[in-house]
N, C-alpha and C. Protein backbone atom coordinates (compact mmCIF):
# COMPACT_ATOMS: atom_id res chain seq x y z
N GLN A 1 4.46 15.60 -11.54
CA GLN A 1 5.50 15.71 -10.52
C GLN A 1 5.94 14.33 -10.02
N VAL A 2 4.99 13.45 -9.72
CA VAL A 2 5.31 12.12 -9.26
C VAL A 2 4.25 11.14 -9.76
N GLN A 3 4.70 9.95 -10.09
CA GLN A 3 3.82 8.89 -10.52
C GLN A 3 4.04 7.67 -9.63
N LEU A 4 2.96 6.97 -9.32
CA LEU A 4 3.02 5.77 -8.49
C LEU A 4 2.42 4.61 -9.26
N VAL A 5 3.12 3.49 -9.28
CA VAL A 5 2.64 2.31 -9.98
C VAL A 5 2.70 1.12 -9.04
N GLU A 6 1.52 0.52 -8.79
CA GLU A 6 1.44 -0.65 -7.93
C GLU A 6 1.53 -1.93 -8.75
N SER A 7 1.97 -2.98 -8.09
CA SER A 7 2.00 -4.30 -8.70
C SER A 7 1.95 -5.35 -7.60
N GLY A 8 1.65 -6.58 -7.98
CA GLY A 8 1.69 -7.69 -7.04
C GLY A 8 0.35 -8.23 -6.60
N GLY A 9 -0.73 -7.59 -7.00
CA GLY A 9 -2.04 -8.10 -6.64
C GLY A 9 -2.38 -9.35 -7.41
N GLY A 10 -3.47 -9.99 -6.99
CA GLY A 10 -3.89 -11.20 -7.66
C GLY A 10 -4.92 -11.96 -6.86
N LEU A 11 -5.16 -13.17 -7.29
CA LEU A 11 -6.11 -14.07 -6.64
C LEU A 11 -5.34 -15.06 -5.77
N VAL A 12 -5.75 -15.18 -4.52
CA VAL A 12 -5.09 -16.08 -3.60
C VAL A 12 -6.12 -16.74 -2.69
N GLN A 13 -5.84 -17.96 -2.26
CA GLN A 13 -6.73 -18.65 -1.33
C GLN A 13 -6.55 -18.14 0.09
N PRO A 14 -7.58 -18.26 0.92
CA PRO A 14 -7.42 -17.87 2.32
C PRO A 14 -6.21 -18.54 2.96
N GLY A 15 -5.45 -17.75 3.70
CA GLY A 15 -4.22 -18.24 4.30
C GLY A 15 -3.00 -18.04 3.44
N GLY A 16 -3.20 -17.68 2.20
CA GLY A 16 -2.09 -17.43 1.31
C GLY A 16 -1.47 -16.07 1.53
N SER A 17 -0.51 -15.73 0.69
CA SER A 17 0.20 -14.47 0.85
C SER A 17 0.42 -13.78 -0.48
N LEU A 18 0.56 -12.46 -0.40
CA LEU A 18 0.91 -11.63 -1.53
C LEU A 18 1.86 -10.54 -1.05
N ARG A 19 2.65 -10.02 -1.96
CA ARG A 19 3.51 -8.89 -1.67
C ARG A 19 3.26 -7.82 -2.71
N LEU A 20 2.76 -6.69 -2.26
CA LEU A 20 2.51 -5.57 -3.15
C LEU A 20 3.71 -4.64 -3.20
N SER A 21 3.94 -4.07 -4.36
CA SER A 21 5.01 -3.11 -4.55
C SER A 21 4.45 -1.82 -5.12
N CYS A 22 5.05 -0.72 -4.74
CA CYS A 22 4.67 0.60 -5.25
C CYS A 22 5.94 1.34 -5.61
N ALA A 23 6.11 1.59 -6.89
CA ALA A 23 7.29 2.29 -7.38
C ALA A 23 6.93 3.73 -7.71
N ALA A 24 7.65 4.66 -7.11
CA ALA A 24 7.44 6.08 -7.35
C ALA A 24 8.49 6.61 -8.31
N SER A 25 8.07 7.47 -9.20
CA SER A 25 9.01 8.06 -10.15
C SER A 25 8.64 9.52 -10.40
N GLY A 26 9.60 10.28 -10.85
CA GLY A 26 9.41 11.68 -11.14
C GLY A 26 10.75 12.37 -11.24
N SER A 27 10.74 13.58 -11.74
CA SER A 27 11.99 14.31 -11.91
C SER A 27 12.62 14.67 -10.57
N ILE A 28 11.78 15.03 -9.60
CA ILE A 28 12.24 15.33 -8.25
C ILE A 28 11.29 14.67 -7.26
N LEU A 29 11.85 13.90 -6.34
CA LEU A 29 11.05 13.23 -5.33
C LEU A 29 11.53 13.60 -3.93
N ASN A 30 10.62 14.11 -3.13
CA ASN A 30 10.88 14.39 -1.72
C ASN A 30 9.71 13.84 -0.93
N ILE A 31 9.67 12.52 -0.83
CA ILE A 31 8.51 11.85 -0.27
C ILE A 31 8.61 11.75 1.24
N ASN A 32 7.61 12.28 1.92
CA ASN A 32 7.52 12.21 3.37
C ASN A 32 6.94 10.86 3.80
N VAL A 33 5.69 10.63 3.43
CA VAL A 33 4.98 9.42 3.84
C VAL A 33 4.52 8.65 2.61
N MET A 34 4.68 7.34 2.66
CA MET A 34 4.08 6.46 1.68
C MET A 34 3.13 5.52 2.40
N GLY A 35 2.04 5.20 1.76
CA GLY A 35 1.06 4.36 2.42
C GLY A 35 0.29 3.48 1.47
N TRP A 36 -0.42 2.55 2.06
CA TRP A 36 -1.32 1.68 1.34
C TRP A 36 -2.73 1.86 1.87
N TYR A 37 -3.66 2.05 0.96
CA TYR A 37 -5.08 2.13 1.26
C TYR A 37 -5.79 1.03 0.50
N ARG A 38 -6.99 0.71 0.93
CA ARG A 38 -7.79 -0.25 0.18
C ARG A 38 -9.25 0.15 0.19
N GLN A 39 -9.95 -0.29 -0.83
CA GLN A 39 -11.36 -0.01 -0.95
C GLN A 39 -12.08 -1.26 -1.43
N ALA A 40 -12.97 -1.75 -0.59
CA ALA A 40 -13.79 -2.90 -0.92
C ALA A 40 -15.12 -2.42 -1.49
N PRO A 41 -15.81 -3.26 -2.25
CA PRO A 41 -17.11 -2.86 -2.81
C PRO A 41 -18.08 -2.39 -1.73
N GLY A 42 -18.68 -1.24 -1.95
CA GLY A 42 -19.65 -0.70 -1.02
C GLY A 42 -19.06 -0.02 0.20
N LYS A 43 -17.75 0.07 0.27
CA LYS A 43 -17.10 0.68 1.42
C LYS A 43 -16.24 1.86 0.99
N GLU A 44 -15.93 2.71 1.96
CA GLU A 44 -15.04 3.83 1.72
C GLU A 44 -13.59 3.37 1.71
N ARG A 45 -12.76 4.14 1.05
CA ARG A 45 -11.34 3.84 1.05
C ARG A 45 -10.80 4.00 2.48
N GLU A 46 -9.99 3.06 2.90
CA GLU A 46 -9.47 3.08 4.25
C GLU A 46 -7.96 2.87 4.27
N LEU A 47 -7.32 3.45 5.25
CA LEU A 47 -5.89 3.28 5.43
C LEU A 47 -5.60 1.85 5.88
N VAL A 48 -4.63 1.22 5.24
CA VAL A 48 -4.13 -0.08 5.65
C VAL A 48 -2.87 0.09 6.49
N ALA A 49 -1.92 0.83 5.95
CA ALA A 49 -0.66 1.07 6.64
C ALA A 49 0.06 2.22 5.97
N ASP A 50 0.89 2.91 6.72
CA ASP A 50 1.75 3.91 6.11
C ASP A 50 3.10 3.91 6.81
N ILE A 51 4.05 4.57 6.18
CA ILE A 51 5.42 4.57 6.68
C ILE A 51 6.08 5.89 6.31
N THR A 52 6.80 6.46 7.26
CA THR A 52 7.50 7.71 7.01
C THR A 52 8.86 7.43 6.40
N SER A 53 9.50 8.49 5.94
CA SER A 53 10.83 8.34 5.37
C SER A 53 11.83 7.81 6.39
N GLY A 54 11.56 8.05 7.68
CA GLY A 54 12.41 7.56 8.74
C GLY A 54 12.11 6.15 9.20
N GLY A 55 11.03 5.56 8.68
CA GLY A 55 10.70 4.18 9.00
C GLY A 55 9.62 3.97 10.04
N SER A 56 9.02 5.04 10.54
CA SER A 56 7.92 4.88 11.48
C SER A 56 6.68 4.37 10.76
N THR A 57 6.00 3.40 11.35
CA THR A 57 4.87 2.76 10.69
C THR A 57 3.58 2.91 11.48
N ASN A 58 2.48 2.78 10.77
CA ASN A 58 1.15 2.82 11.34
C ASN A 58 0.29 1.80 10.60
N TYR A 59 -0.51 1.04 11.35
CA TYR A 59 -1.33 0.00 10.76
C TYR A 59 -2.77 0.11 11.22
N ALA A 60 -3.67 -0.27 10.33
CA ALA A 60 -5.06 -0.43 10.72
C ALA A 60 -5.18 -1.62 11.66
N ASP A 61 -6.15 -1.55 12.57
CA ASP A 61 -6.34 -2.64 13.52
C ASP A 61 -6.59 -3.97 12.83
N SER A 62 -7.26 -3.93 11.69
CA SER A 62 -7.63 -5.15 10.99
C SER A 62 -6.44 -5.90 10.41
N VAL A 63 -5.31 -5.22 10.24
CA VAL A 63 -4.14 -5.88 9.65
C VAL A 63 -2.95 -5.90 10.59
N LYS A 64 -3.06 -5.23 11.72
CA LYS A 64 -1.96 -5.17 12.67
C LYS A 64 -1.58 -6.58 13.13
N GLY A 65 -0.31 -6.88 13.08
CA GLY A 65 0.17 -8.20 13.44
C GLY A 65 0.20 -9.18 12.29
N ARG A 66 -0.35 -8.81 11.15
CA ARG A 66 -0.34 -9.67 9.97
C ARG A 66 0.46 -9.05 8.82
N PHE A 67 0.12 -7.83 8.44
CA PHE A 67 0.76 -7.18 7.31
C PHE A 67 1.99 -6.41 7.77
N THR A 68 2.93 -6.24 6.85
CA THR A 68 4.12 -5.46 7.12
C THR A 68 4.39 -4.50 5.98
N ILE A 69 4.46 -3.22 6.30
CA ILE A 69 4.82 -2.22 5.31
C ILE A 69 6.31 -1.93 5.44
N SER A 70 6.96 -1.74 4.32
CA SER A 70 8.37 -1.41 4.31
C SER A 70 8.64 -0.44 3.18
N ARG A 71 9.86 0.08 3.16
CA ARG A 71 10.18 1.13 2.20
C ARG A 71 11.66 1.12 1.91
N ASP A 72 11.99 1.28 0.65
CA ASP A 72 13.37 1.42 0.22
C ASP A 72 13.50 2.83 -0.35
N ASN A 73 14.03 3.74 0.45
CA ASN A 73 14.11 5.13 0.04
C ASN A 73 14.99 5.33 -1.19
N ALA A 74 16.05 4.56 -1.29
CA ALA A 74 16.94 4.68 -2.44
C ALA A 74 16.25 4.30 -3.74
N LYS A 75 15.32 3.36 -3.66
CA LYS A 75 14.58 2.92 -4.84
C LYS A 75 13.24 3.62 -4.99
N ASN A 76 12.89 4.47 -4.03
CA ASN A 76 11.59 5.15 -4.04
C ASN A 76 10.45 4.15 -4.18
N THR A 77 10.54 3.09 -3.41
CA THR A 77 9.58 2.00 -3.51
C THR A 77 9.07 1.60 -2.13
N ALA A 78 7.77 1.38 -2.04
CA ALA A 78 7.15 0.88 -0.83
C ALA A 78 6.59 -0.51 -1.09
N TYR A 79 6.51 -1.30 -0.04
CA TYR A 79 6.03 -2.67 -0.15
C TYR A 79 4.99 -2.94 0.92
N LEU A 80 4.14 -3.88 0.64
CA LEU A 80 3.19 -4.36 1.63
C LEU A 80 3.20 -5.88 1.58
N GLN A 81 3.78 -6.50 2.60
CA GLN A 81 3.79 -7.95 2.71
C GLN A 81 2.51 -8.38 3.40
N MET A 82 1.77 -9.27 2.76
CA MET A 82 0.46 -9.67 3.24
C MET A 82 0.36 -11.19 3.38
N PRO A 83 0.79 -11.71 4.52
CA PRO A 83 0.60 -13.14 4.78
C PRO A 83 -0.77 -13.39 5.41
N SER A 84 -1.12 -14.64 5.54
CA SER A 84 -2.35 -15.03 6.25
C SER A 84 -3.57 -14.25 5.77
N LEU A 85 -3.72 -14.17 4.48
CA LEU A 85 -4.81 -13.37 3.92
C LEU A 85 -6.18 -13.98 4.22
N LYS A 86 -7.12 -13.10 4.44
CA LYS A 86 -8.50 -13.47 4.74
C LYS A 86 -9.43 -12.94 3.65
N PRO A 87 -10.59 -13.56 3.48
CA PRO A 87 -11.54 -13.06 2.48
C PRO A 87 -11.87 -11.59 2.68
N GLU A 88 -11.92 -11.12 3.92
CA GLU A 88 -12.23 -9.73 4.18
C GLU A 88 -11.13 -8.77 3.77
N ASP A 89 -9.97 -9.30 3.38
CA ASP A 89 -8.91 -8.47 2.83
C ASP A 89 -9.12 -8.15 1.36
N THR A 90 -10.10 -8.76 0.75
CA THR A 90 -10.39 -8.53 -0.65
C THR A 90 -10.74 -7.07 -0.89
N ALA A 91 -10.02 -6.42 -1.78
CA ALA A 91 -10.22 -5.00 -2.06
C ALA A 91 -9.29 -4.57 -3.17
N LEU A 92 -9.53 -3.36 -3.65
CA LEU A 92 -8.59 -2.71 -4.54
C LEU A 92 -7.62 -1.93 -3.67
N TYR A 93 -6.35 -2.24 -3.79
CA TYR A 93 -5.32 -1.63 -2.96
C TYR A 93 -4.61 -0.52 -3.72
N TYR A 94 -4.52 0.63 -3.07
CA TYR A 94 -3.90 1.81 -3.66
C TYR A 94 -2.66 2.22 -2.89
N CYS A 95 -1.66 2.62 -3.61
CA CYS A 95 -0.49 3.24 -3.01
C CYS A 95 -0.68 4.75 -3.01
N ASN A 96 -0.17 5.40 -1.99
CA ASN A 96 -0.19 6.85 -1.99
C ASN A 96 1.11 7.40 -1.42
N ALA A 97 1.35 8.67 -1.72
CA ALA A 97 2.55 9.33 -1.25
C ALA A 97 2.25 10.79 -0.99
N VAL A 98 2.91 11.34 0.01
CA VAL A 98 2.79 12.75 0.36
C VAL A 98 4.18 13.35 0.38
N MET A 99 4.34 14.47 -0.29
CA MET A 99 5.63 15.13 -0.34
C MET A 99 5.84 16.00 0.90
N TYR A 100 7.09 16.22 1.23
CA TYR A 100 7.40 17.16 2.30
C TYR A 100 6.85 18.53 1.95
N GLY A 101 6.23 19.17 2.94
CA GLY A 101 5.72 20.51 2.75
C GLY A 101 4.40 20.59 2.01
N SER A 102 3.74 19.45 1.81
CA SER A 102 2.49 19.42 1.07
C SER A 102 1.48 18.51 1.75
N ARG A 103 0.21 18.84 1.57
CA ARG A 103 -0.87 17.98 2.05
C ARG A 103 -1.51 17.21 0.90
N ARG A 104 -1.00 17.38 -0.30
CA ARG A 104 -1.56 16.71 -1.47
C ARG A 104 -1.16 15.25 -1.51
N TYR A 105 -2.13 14.41 -1.72
CA TYR A 105 -1.90 12.98 -1.88
C TYR A 105 -1.74 12.65 -3.36
N TYR A 106 -0.74 11.84 -3.68
CA TYR A 106 -0.59 11.24 -4.99
C TYR A 106 -1.01 9.79 -4.89
N TRP A 107 -1.70 9.32 -5.91
CA TRP A 107 -2.26 7.97 -5.89
C TRP A 107 -1.82 7.15 -7.08
N GLY A 108 -1.63 5.87 -6.85
CA GLY A 108 -1.44 4.93 -7.94
C GLY A 108 -2.77 4.51 -8.52
N GLN A 109 -2.72 3.64 -9.50
CA GLN A 109 -3.94 3.22 -10.19
C GLN A 109 -4.70 2.12 -9.45
N GLY A 110 -4.06 1.49 -8.50
CA GLY A 110 -4.67 0.43 -7.73
C GLY A 110 -4.32 -0.94 -8.28
N THR A 111 -4.26 -1.91 -7.39
CA THR A 111 -4.05 -3.30 -7.77
C THR A 111 -5.03 -4.17 -6.99
N GLN A 112 -5.70 -5.07 -7.68
CA GLN A 112 -6.76 -5.86 -7.07
C GLN A 112 -6.21 -7.04 -6.30
N VAL A 113 -6.69 -7.20 -5.08
CA VAL A 113 -6.39 -8.36 -4.25
C VAL A 113 -7.70 -9.08 -3.98
N THR A 114 -7.76 -10.33 -4.37
CA THR A 114 -8.96 -11.14 -4.15
C THR A 114 -8.57 -12.40 -3.38
N VAL A 115 -9.21 -12.59 -2.24
CA VAL A 115 -8.94 -13.75 -1.39
C VAL A 115 -10.19 -14.62 -1.39
N SER A 116 -10.10 -15.77 -2.01
CA SER A 116 -11.27 -16.62 -2.17
C SER A 116 -10.85 -18.06 -2.39
N SER A 117 -11.71 -18.98 -1.93
CA SER A 117 -11.50 -20.39 -2.18
C SER A 117 -12.00 -20.80 -3.55
């Protein structure tokens, strides 16, 4: 029904920046919420940020004031701008999407973000 593909991860030094992209595709798309989650080694997957089709956003306390989630509905693409990266931001970042009228989450394959000197 829908596929999500993330890109933009990589290795960056503390204080550096990355911009993640998530492109959604499918024959029919009616996406309500798109979000970014991350999972660090030994930890559970956690919400980083999400955004509704109308542009309302939600951020984890750990990234609030630093990261910015955005969305281009026409392109079915979500972004996560990540400036001022810290070593504790190191994780596998996943894109997800929820369709209108459904509680099912669709997930991308993940993109690795590593913040290290």
